[in-house]
PDB file of N, CA and C in Angstrom:
ATOM      1  N   MET A   1       8.776  -9.158   7.840  1.00  0.00           N
ATOM      2  CA  MET A   1       8.709  -7.792   7.384  1.00  0.00           C
ATOM      3  C   MET A   1       7.530  -7.604   6.428  1.00  0.00           C
ATOM      4  N   LEU A   2       7.351  -8.543   5.509  1.00  0.00           N
ATOM      5  CA  LEU A   2       6.237  -8.428   4.576  1.00  0.00           C
ATOM      6  C   LEU A   2       4.904  -8.639   5.283  1.00  0.00           C
ATOM      7  N   ASP A   3       4.896  -9.506   6.298  1.00  0.00           N
ATOM      8  CA  ASP A   3       3.669  -9.674   7.089  1.00  0.00           C
ATOM      9  C   ASP A   3       3.323  -8.376   7.820  1.00  0.00           C
ATOM     10  N   ASP A   4       4.342  -7.709   8.336  1.00  0.00           N
ATOM     11  CA  ASP A   4       4.125  -6.420   9.007  1.00  0.00           C
ATOM     12  C   ASP A   4       3.574  -5.389   8.036  1.00  0.00           C
ATOM     13  N   TYR A   5       4.117  -5.364   6.825  1.00  0.00           N
ATOM     14  CA  TYR A   5       3.650  -4.424   5.805  1.00  0.00           C
ATOM     15  C   TYR A   5       2.194  -4.707   5.440  1.00  0.00           C
ATOM     16  N   ARG A   6       1.868  -5.986   5.279  1.00  0.00           N
ATOM     17  CA  ARG A   6       0.486  -6.350   4.949  1.00  0.00           C
ATOM     18  C   ARG A   6      -0.453  -5.949   6.085  1.00  0.00           C
ATOM     19  N   SER A   7      -0.047  -6.185   7.318  1.00  0.00           N
ATOM     20  CA  SER A   7      -0.870  -5.806   8.470  1.00  0.00           C
ATOM     21  C   SER A   7      -1.076  -4.298   8.519  1.00  0.00           C
ATOM     22  N   TRP A   8      -0.020  -3.557   8.220  1.00  0.00           N
ATOM     23  CA  TRP A   8      -0.140  -2.096   8.209  1.00  0.00           C
ATOM     24  C   TRP A   8      -1.115  -1.648   7.124  1.00  0.00           C
ATOM     25  N   LEU A   9      -1.006  -2.239   5.932  1.00  0.00           N
ATOM     26  CA  LEU A   9      -1.930  -1.895   4.856  1.00  0.00           C
ATOM     27  C   LEU A   9      -3.376  -2.206   5.254  1.00  0.00           C
ATOM     28  N   GLU A  10      -3.581  -3.350   5.902  1.00  0.00           N
ATOM     29  CA  GLU A  10      -4.931  -3.709   6.334  1.00  0.00           C
ATOM     30  C   GLU A  10      -5.465  -2.736   7.381  1.00  0.00           C
ATOM     31  N   SER A  11      -4.593  -2.289   8.297  1.00  0.00           N
ATOM     32  CA  SER A  11      -5.050  -1.327   9.304  1.00  0.00           C
ATOM     33  C   SER A  11      -5.371   0.016   8.657  1.00  0.00           C
ATOM     34  N   GLU A  12      -4.576   0.406   7.657  1.00  0.00           N
ATOM     35  CA  GLU A  12      -4.871   1.650   6.936  1.00  0.00           C
ATOM     36  C   GLU A  12      -6.186   1.533   6.174  1.00  0.00           C
ATOM     37  N   LEU A  13      -6.408   0.380   5.577  1.00  0.00           N
ATOM     38  CA  LEU A  13      -7.655   0.147   4.848  1.00  0.00           C
ATOM     39  C   LEU A  13      -8.853   0.256   5.784  1.00  0.00           C
ATOM     40  N   LYS A  14      -8.739  -0.328   6.971  1.00  0.00           N
ATOM     41  CA  LYS A  14      -9.826  -0.263   7.949  1.00  0.00           C
ATOM     42  C   LYS A  14     -10.052   1.175   8.412  1.00  0.00           C
ATOM     43  N   LEU A  15      -8.952   1.877   8.707  1.00  0.00           N
ATOM     44  CA  LEU A  15      -9.051   3.265   9.151  1.00  0.00           C
ATOM     45  C   LEU A  15      -9.689   4.144   8.078  1.00  0.00           C
ATOM     46  N   LEU A  16      -9.234   3.975   6.845  1.00  0.00           N
ATOM     47  CA  LEU A  16      -9.779   4.776   5.746  1.00  0.00           C
ATOM     48  C   LEU A  16     -11.225   4.393   5.443  1.00  0.00           C
ATOM     49  N   GLY A  17     -11.556   3.125   5.637  1.00  0.00           N
ATOM     50  CA  GLY A  17     -12.927   2.684   5.410  1.00  0.00           C
ATOM     51  C   GLY A  17     -13.904   3.344   6.368  1.00  0.00           C
ATOM     52  N   ASN A  18     -13.418   3.679   7.577  1.00  0.00           N
ATOM     53  CA  ASN A  18     -14.271   4.346   8.551  1.00  0.00           C
ATOM     54  C   ASN A  18     -14.520   5.804   8.178  1.00  0.00           C
ATOM     55  N   ALA A  19     -13.675   6.356   7.320  1.00  0.00           N
ATOM     56  CA  ALA A  19     -13.840   7.749   6.892  1.00  0.00           C
ATOM     57  C   ALA A  19     -14.218   7.811   5.413  1.00  0.00           C
ATOM     58  N   SER A  20     -14.921   6.800   4.950  1.00  0.00           N
ATOM     59  CA  SER A  20     -15.183   6.668   3.512  1.00  0.00           C
ATOM     60  C   SER A  20     -16.098   7.749   2.947  1.00  0.00           C
ATOM     61  N   HIS A  21     -16.678   8.585   3.789  1.00  0.00           N
ATOM     62  CA  HIS A  21     -17.533   9.645   3.269  1.00  0.00           C
ATOM     63  C   HIS A  21     -16.701  10.759   2.631  1.00  0.00           C
ATOM     64  N   HIS A  22     -15.411  10.753   2.854  1.00  0.00           N
ATOM     65  CA  HIS A  22     -14.532  11.721   2.200  1.00  0.00           C
ATOM     66  C   HIS A  22     -13.983  11.097   0.926  1.00  0.00           C
ATOM     67  N   ALA A  23     -14.037  11.813  -0.185  1.00  0.00           N
ATOM     68  CA  ALA A  23     -13.572  11.293  -1.469  1.00  0.00           C
ATOM     69  C   ALA A  23     -12.097  10.897  -1.403  1.00  0.00           C
ATOM     70  N   TYR A  24     -11.286  11.688  -0.722  1.00  0.00           N
ATOM     71  CA  TYR A  24      -9.861  11.382  -0.604  1.00  0.00           C
ATOM     72  C   TYR A  24      -9.657  10.059   0.121  1.00  0.00           C
ATOM     73  N   SER A  25     -10.399   9.845   1.199  1.00  0.00           N
ATOM     74  CA  SER A  25     -10.279   8.607   1.971  1.00  0.00           C
ATOM     75  C   SER A  25     -10.704   7.409   1.138  1.00  0.00           C
ATOM     76  N   PHE A  26     -11.734   7.589   0.343  1.00  0.00           N
ATOM     77  CA  PHE A  26     -12.199   6.496  -0.521  1.00  0.00           C
ATOM     78  C   PHE A  26     -11.105   6.102  -1.508  1.00  0.00           C
ATOM     79  N   GLY A  27     -10.446   7.085  -2.106  1.00  0.00           N
ATOM     80  CA  GLY A  27      -9.356   6.815  -3.044  1.00  0.00           C
ATOM     81  C   GLY A  27      -8.179   6.139  -2.363  1.00  0.00           C
ATOM     82  N   GLN A  28      -7.845   6.603  -1.174  1.00  0.00           N
ATOM     83  CA  GLN A  28      -6.734   6.006  -0.432  1.00  0.00           C
ATOM     84  C   GLN A  28      -7.066   4.572  -0.013  1.00  0.00           C
ATOM     85  N   ALA A  29      -8.298   4.322   0.369  1.00  0.00           N
ATOM     86  CA  ALA A  29      -8.709   2.969   0.743  1.00  0.00           C
ATOM     87  C   ALA A  29      -8.609   2.033  -0.457  1.00  0.00           C
ATOM     88  N   ASN A  30      -9.014   2.506  -1.622  1.00  0.00           N
ATOM     89  CA  ASN A  30      -8.896   1.687  -2.834  1.00  0.00           C
ATOM     90  C   ASN A  30      -7.438   1.398  -3.154  1.00  0.00           C
ATOM     91  N   MET A  31      -6.574   2.389  -2.955  1.00  0.00           N
ATOM     92  CA  MET A  31      -5.151   2.203  -3.214  1.00  0.00           C
ATOM     93  C   MET A  31      -4.564   1.168  -2.244  1.00  0.00           C
ATOM     94  N   ALA A  32      -4.941   1.231  -0.968  1.00  0.00           N
ATOM     95  CA  ALA A  32      -4.456   0.262   0.010  1.00  0.00           C
ATOM     96  C   ALA A  32      -4.948  -1.140  -0.341  1.00  0.00           C
ATOM     97  N   LYS A  33      -6.203  -1.253  -0.775  1.00  0.00           N
ATOM     98  CA  LYS A  33      -6.748  -2.551  -1.158  1.00  0.00           C
ATOM     99  C   LYS A  33      -5.996  -3.119  -2.355  1.00  0.00           C
ATOM    100  N   ARG A  34      -5.707  -2.282  -3.337  1.00  0.00           N
ATOM    101  CA  ARG A  34      -4.949  -2.742  -4.506  1.00  0.00           C
ATOM    102  C   ARG A  34      -3.527  -3.148  -4.111  1.00  0.00           C
ATOM    103  N   ALA A  35      -2.929  -2.422  -3.166  1.00  0.00           N
ATOM    104  CA  ALA A  35      -1.576  -2.764  -2.711  1.00  0.00           C
ATOM    105  C   ALA A  35      -1.556  -4.129  -2.032  1.00  0.00           C
ATOM    106  N   ILE A  36      -2.561  -4.420  -1.217  1.00  0.00           N
ATOM    107  CA  ILE A  36      -2.653  -5.735  -0.563  1.00  0.00           C
ATOM    108  C   ILE A  36      -2.819  -6.831  -1.609  1.00  0.00           C
ATOM    109  N   GLU A  37      -3.684  -6.604  -2.583  1.00  0.00           N
ATOM    110  CA  GLU A  37      -3.899  -7.595  -3.635  1.00  0.00           C
ATOM    111  C   GLU A  37      -2.626  -7.829  -4.434  1.00  0.00           C
ATOM    112  N   ARG A  38      -1.915  -6.750  -4.751  1.00  0.00           N
ATOM    113  CA  ARG A  38      -0.665  -6.869  -5.521  1.00  0.00           C
ATOM    114  C   ARG A  38       0.407  -7.598  -4.712  1.00  0.00           C
ATOM    115  N   LEU A  39       0.506  -7.301  -3.418  1.00  0.00           N
ATOM    116  CA  LEU A  39       1.474  -7.981  -2.557  1.00  0.00           C
ATOM    117  C   LEU A  39       1.174  -9.473  -2.506  1.00  0.00           C
ATOM    118  N   ASP A  40      -0.093  -9.827  -2.308  1.00  0.00           N
ATOM    119  CA  ASP A  40      -0.486 -11.234  -2.268  1.00  0.00           C
ATOM    120  C   ASP A  40      -0.174 -11.931  -3.593  1.00  0.00           C
ATOM    121  N   GLU A  41      -0.460 -11.256  -4.700  1.00  0.00           N
ATOM    122  CA  GLU A  41      -0.202 -11.815  -6.030  1.00  0.00           C
ATOM    123  C   GLU A  41       1.302 -12.020  -6.262  1.00  0.00           C
ATOM    124  N   THR A  42       2.094 -11.048  -5.858  1.00  0.00           N
ATOM    125  CA  THR A  42       3.545 -11.117  -6.044  1.00  0.00           C
ATOM    126  C   THR A  42       4.160 -12.225  -5.216  1.00  0.00           C
ATOM    127  N   LEU A  43       3.663 -12.424  -4.002  1.00  0.00           N
ATOM    128  CA  LEU A  43       4.250 -13.403  -3.093  1.00  0.00           C
ATOM    129  C   LEU A  43       3.704 -14.815  -3.265  1.00  0.00           C
ATOM    130  N   LEU A  44       2.659 -14.972  -4.069  1.00  0.00           N
ATOM    131  CA  LEU A  44       2.040 -16.275  -4.261  1.00  0.00           C
ATOM    132  C   LEU A  44       3.068 -17.276  -4.796  1.00  0.00           C
ATOM    133  N   GLY A  45       3.271 -18.347  -4.051  1.00  0.00           N
ATOM    134  CA  GLY A  45       4.192 -19.389  -4.471  1.00  0.00           C
ATOM    135  C   GLY A  45       5.664 -19.047  -4.291  1.00  0.00           C
ATOM    136  N   ARG A  46       5.954 -17.989  -3.553  1.00  0.00           N
ATOM    137  CA  ARG A  46       7.338 -17.576  -3.342  1.00  0.00           C
ATOM    138  C   ARG A  46       7.680 -17.614  -1.863  1.00  0.00           C
ATOM    139  N   VAL A  47       8.966 -17.684  -1.598  1.00  0.00           N
ATOM    140  CA  VAL A  47       9.476 -17.608  -0.237  1.00  0.00           C
ATOM    141  C   VAL A  47      10.316 -16.341  -0.165  1.00  0.00           C
ATOM    142  N   ALA A  48       9.939 -15.439   0.717  1.00  0.00           N
ATOM    143  CA  ALA A  48      10.698 -14.203   0.887  1.00  0.00           C
ATOM    144  C   ALA A  48      11.781 -14.441   1.930  1.00  0.00           C
ATOM    145  N   LEU A  49      12.992 -14.049   1.601  1.00  0.00           N
ATOM    146  CA  LEU A  49      14.118 -14.251   2.490  1.00  0.00           C
ATOM    147  C   LEU A  49      14.846 -12.924   2.632  1.00  0.00           C
ATOM    148  N   LEU A  50      14.872 -12.406   3.843  1.00  0.00           N
ATOM    149  CA  LEU A  50      15.564 -11.144   4.096  1.00  0.00           C
ATOM    150  C   LEU A  50      16.922 -11.447   4.701  1.00  0.00           C
ATOM    151  N   LEU A  51      17.954 -10.900   4.100  1.00  0.00           N
ATOM    152  CA  LEU A  51      19.317 -11.093   4.582  1.00  0.00           C
ATOM    153  C   LEU A  51      19.944  -9.738   4.847  1.00  0.00           C
ATOM    154  N   GLU A  52      20.742  -9.676   5.888  1.00  0.00           N
ATOM    155  CA  GLU A  52      21.560  -8.496   6.114  1.00  0.00           C
ATOM    156  C   GLU A  52      22.588  -8.441   4.990  1.00  0.00           C
ATOM    157  N   ALA A  53      23.071  -7.261   4.662  1.00  0.00           N
ATOM    158  CA  ALA A  53      24.032  -7.112   3.571  1.00  0.00           C
ATOM    159  C   ALA A  53      25.271  -7.967   3.797  1.00  0.00           C
ATOM    160  N   ALA A  54      25.750  -8.035   5.032  1.00  0.00           N
ATOM    161  CA  ALA A  54      26.936  -8.832   5.335  1.00  0.00           C
ATOM    162  C   ALA A  54      26.663 -10.325   5.132  1.00  0.00           C
ATOM    163  N   GLU A  55      25.463 -10.778   5.522  1.00  0.00           N
ATOM    164  CA  GLU A  55      25.095 -12.177   5.318  1.00  0.00           C
ATOM    165  C   GLU A  55      25.023 -12.510   3.830  1.00  0.00           C
ATOM    166  N   ALA A  56      24.417 -11.617   3.067  1.00  0.00           N
ATOM    167  CA  ALA A  56      24.296 -11.830   1.626  1.00  0.00           C
ATOM    168  C   ALA A  56      25.677 -11.889   0.978  1.00  0.00           C
ATOM    169  N   ALA A  57      26.578 -11.014   1.393  1.00  0.00           N
ATOM    170  CA  ALA A  57      27.931 -11.010   0.839  1.00  0.00           C
ATOM    171  C   ALA A  57      28.656 -12.307   1.180  1.00  0.00           C
ATOM    172  N   ALA A  58      28.512 -12.792   2.416  1.00  0.00           N
ATOM    173  CA  ALA A  58      29.155 -14.047   2.822  1.00  0.00           C
ATOM    174  C   ALA A  58      28.573 -15.225   2.054  1.00  0.00           C
ATOM    175  N   LEU A  59      27.267 -15.236   1.877  1.00  0.00           N
ATOM    176  CA  LEU A  59      26.620 -16.307   1.128  1.00  0.00           C
ATOM    177  C   LEU A  59      27.052 -16.281  -0.333  1.00  0.00           C
ATOM    178  N   LEU A  60      27.104 -15.106  -0.912  1.00  0.00           N
ATOM    179  CA  LEU A  60      27.546 -14.965  -2.292  1.00  0.00           C
ATOM    180  C   LEU A  60      28.979 -15.477  -2.446  1.00  0.00           C
ATOM    181  N   GLU A  61      29.835 -15.132  -1.518  1.00  0.00           N
ATOM    182  CA  GLU A  61      31.229 -15.593  -1.553  1.00  0.00           C
ATOM    183  C   GLU A  61      31.299 -17.123  -1.443  1.00  0.00           C
ATOM    184  N   ALA A  62      30.495 -17.705  -0.556  1.00  0.00           N
ATOM    185  CA  ALA A  62      30.482 -19.161  -0.393  1.00  0.00           C
ATOM    186  C   ALA A  62      29.980 -19.854  -1.655  1.00  0.00           C
ATOM    187  N   LEU A  63      28.956 -19.290  -2.282  1.00  0.00           N
ATOM    188  CA  LEU A  63      28.438 -19.883  -3.518  1.00  0.00           C
ATOM    189  C   LEU A  63      29.458 -19.791  -4.644  1.00  0.00           C
ATOM    190  N   GLU A  64      30.165 -18.676  -4.717  1.00  0.00           N
ATOM    191  CA  GLU A  64      31.190 -18.527  -5.747  1.00  0.00           C
ATOM    192  C   GLU A  64      32.329 -19.519  -5.529  1.00  0.00           C
ATOM    193  N   ALA A  65      32.688 -19.769  -4.271  1.00  0.00           N
ATOM    194  CA  ALA A  65      33.763 -20.716  -3.964  1.00  0.00           C
ATOM    195  C   ALA A  65      33.338 -22.149  -4.273  1.00  0.00           C
ATOM    196  N   ARG A  66      32.061 -22.444  -4.132  1.00  0.00           N
ATOM    197  CA  ARG A  66      31.564 -23.797  -4.310  1.00  0.00           C
ATOM    198  C   ARG A  66      31.240 -24.134  -5.760  1.00  0.00           C
ATOM    199  N   SER A  67      31.058 -23.187  -6.606  1.00  0.00           N
ATOM    200  CA  SER A  67      30.547 -23.425  -7.959  1.00  0.00           C
ATOM    201  C   SER A  67      31.454 -24.347  -8.758  1.00  0.00           C
ATOM    202  N   GLY A  68      30.804 -25.126  -9.635  1.00  0.00           N
ATOM    203  CA  GLY A  68      31.570 -25.907 -10.583  1.00  0.00           C
ATOM    204  C   GLY A  68      31.444 -27.406 -10.513  1.00  0.00           C
ATOM    205  N   GLY A  69      30.755 -27.989  -9.550  1.00  0.00           N
ATOM    206  CA  GLY A  69      30.710 -29.444  -9.432  1.00  0.00           C
ATOM    207  C   GLY A  69      29.772 -30.130 -10.409  1.00  0.00           C
ATOM    208  N   GLY A  70      28.798 -29.419 -10.933  1.00  0.00           N
ATOM    209  CA  GLY A  70      27.827 -30.013 -11.850  1.00  0.00           C
ATOM    210  C   GLY A  70      26.680 -30.652 -11.100  1.00  0.00           C
ATOM    211  N   GLY A  71      25.715 -31.150 -11.847  1.00  0.00           N
ATOM    212  CA  GLY A  71      24.575 -31.831 -11.254  1.00  0.00           C
ATOM    213  C   GLY A  71      23.420 -30.894 -10.956  1.00  0.00           C
ATOM    214  N   ALA A  72      22.300 -31.498 -10.570  1.00  0.00           N
ATOM    215  CA  ALA A  72      21.067 -30.738 -10.321  1.00  0.00           C
ATOM    216  C   ALA A  72      21.212 -29.781  -9.148  1.00  0.00           C
ATOM    217  N   ALA A  73      21.921 -30.207  -8.105  1.00  0.00           N
ATOM    218  CA  ALA A  73      22.101 -29.333  -6.941  1.00  0.00           C
ATOM    219  C   ALA A  73      22.877 -28.082  -7.342  1.00  0.00           C
ATOM    220  N   ASP A  74      23.905 -28.266  -8.152  1.00  0.00           N
ATOM    221  CA  ASP A  74      24.680 -27.104  -8.592  1.00  0.00           C
ATOM    222  C   ASP A  74      23.853 -26.173  -9.464  1.00  0.00           C
ATOM    223  N   GLU A  75      22.976 -26.730 -10.294  1.00  0.00           N
ATOM    224  CA  GLU A  75      22.114 -25.888 -11.125  1.00  0.00           C
ATOM    225  C   GLU A  75      21.209 -25.024 -10.256  1.00  0.00           C
ATOM    226  N   ALA A  76      20.651 -25.609  -9.197  1.00  0.00           N
ATOM    227  CA  ALA A  76      19.794 -24.852  -8.282  1.00  0.00           C
ATOM    228  C   ALA A  76      20.601 -23.771  -7.576  1.00  0.00           C
ATOM    229  N   LEU A  77      21.798 -24.133  -7.131  1.00  0.00           N
ATOM    230  CA  LEU A  77      22.654 -23.155  -6.451  1.00  0.00           C
ATOM    231  C   LEU A  77      23.099 -22.049  -7.407  1.00  0.00           C
ATOM    232  N   GLN A  78      23.339 -22.385  -8.667  1.00  0.00           N
ATOM    233  CA  GLN A  78      23.725 -21.372  -9.641  1.00  0.00           C
ATOM    234  C   GLN A  78      22.598 -20.363  -9.855  1.00  0.00           C
ATOM    235  N   GLY A  79      21.363 -20.854  -9.839  1.00  0.00           N
ATOM    236  CA  GLY A  79      20.225 -19.950  -9.973  1.00  0.00           C
ATOM    237  C   GLY A  79      20.144 -18.988  -8.796  1.00  0.00           C
ATOM    238  N   ILE A  80      20.320 -19.513  -7.598  1.00  0.00           N
ATOM    239  CA  ILE A  80      20.308 -18.665  -6.401  1.00  0.00           C
ATOM    240  C   ILE A  80      21.483 -17.702  -6.438  1.00  0.00           C
ATOM    241  N   HIS A  81      22.627 -18.208  -6.869  1.00  0.00           N
ATOM    242  CA  HIS A  81      23.834 -17.383  -6.964  1.00  0.00           C
ATOM    243  C   HIS A  81      23.602 -16.190  -7.893  1.00  0.00           C
ATOM    244  N   ALA A  82      23.023 -16.438  -9.065  1.00  0.00           N
ATOM    245  CA  ALA A  82      22.770 -15.362 -10.024  1.00  0.00           C
ATOM    246  C   ALA A  82      21.794 -14.329  -9.463  1.00  0.00           C
ATOM    247  N   ARG A  83      20.751 -14.795  -8.788  1.00  0.00           N
ATOM    248  CA  ARG A  83      19.762 -13.854  -8.227  1.00  0.00           C
ATOM    249  C   ARG A  83      20.350 -13.050  -7.084  1.00  0.00           C
ATOM    250  N   LEU A  84      21.178 -13.698  -6.268  1.00  0.00           N
ATOM    251  CA  LEU A  84      21.824 -13.003  -5.165  1.00  0.00           C
ATOM    252  C   LEU A  84      22.822 -11.977  -5.684  1.00  0.00           C
ATOM    253  N   ARG A  85      23.587 -12.345  -6.712  1.00  0.00           N
ATOM    254  CA  ARG A  85      24.542 -11.417  -7.308  1.00  0.00           C
ATOM    255  C   ARG A  85      23.815 -10.195  -7.882  1.00  0.00           C
ATOM    256  N   ALA A  86      22.699 -10.436  -8.550  1.00  0.00           N
ATOM    257  CA  ALA A  86      21.922  -9.323  -9.117  1.00  0.00           C
ATOM    258  C   ALA A  86      21.358  -8.428  -8.015  1.00  0.00           C
ATOM    259  N   ALA A  87      20.909  -9.026  -6.933  1.00  0.00           N
ATOM    260  CA  ALA A  87      20.350  -8.248  -5.826  1.00  0.00           C
ATOM    261  C   ALA A  87      21.427  -7.446  -5.102  1.00  0.00           C
ATOM    262  N   ALA A  88      22.643  -8.001  -5.061  1.00  0.00           N
ATOM    263  CA  ALA A  88      23.737  -7.333  -4.351  1.00  0.00           C
ATOM    264  C   ALA A  88      24.394  -6.235  -5.186  1.00  0.00           C
ATOM    265  N   ALA A  89      24.150  -6.242  -6.490  1.00  0.00           N
ATOM    266  CA  ALA A  89      24.750  -5.242  -7.364  1.00  0.00           C
ATOM    267  C   ALA A  89      24.216  -3.863  -7.022  1.00  0.00           C
ATOM    268  N   PRO A  90      25.076  -2.839  -7.111  1.00  0.00           N
ATOM    269  CA  PRO A  90      24.607  -1.475  -6.836  1.00  0.00           C
ATOM    270  C   PRO A  90      23.489  -1.097  -7.809  1.00  0.00           C
ATOM    271  N   ARG A  91      22.474  -0.475  -7.279  1.00  0.00           N
ATOM    272  CA  ARG A  91      21.318  -0.098  -8.116  1.00  0.00           C
ATOM    273  C   ARG A  91      21.539   1.282  -8.717  1.00  0.00           C
ATOM    274  N   ALA A  92      21.179   1.400  -9.978  1.00  0.00           N
ATOM    275  CA  ALA A  92      21.275   2.692 -10.652  1.00  0.00           C
ATOM    276  C   ALA A  92      20.152   3.598 -10.161  1.00  0.00           C
ATOM    277  N   SER A  93      20.467   4.827  -9.892  1.00  0.00           N
ATOM    278  CA  SER A  93      19.446   5.750  -9.364  1.00  0.00           C
ATOM    279  C   SER A  93      18.670   6.407 -10.468  1.00  0.00           C
TER     280      SER A  93
END
């Protein structure tokens, strides 16, 4: 999904670059370029994982059931558990 978004931004940048004689197009091209740079910066050293809501809920439930054994593996799982719980929480509008 993120690769698709990056490809779309690059195609928009190319399209806008061809119409760069218009001030609006120049501004939009700069915005697309900054968006690509920001996406690359944000994703650097990270692994993006997209889960369906049902999958995330099942994984969260499994992690909650498994918690408590101790050790380095549990610490890593607890970190994932906390991030998944935060992501699954309803967002304030």
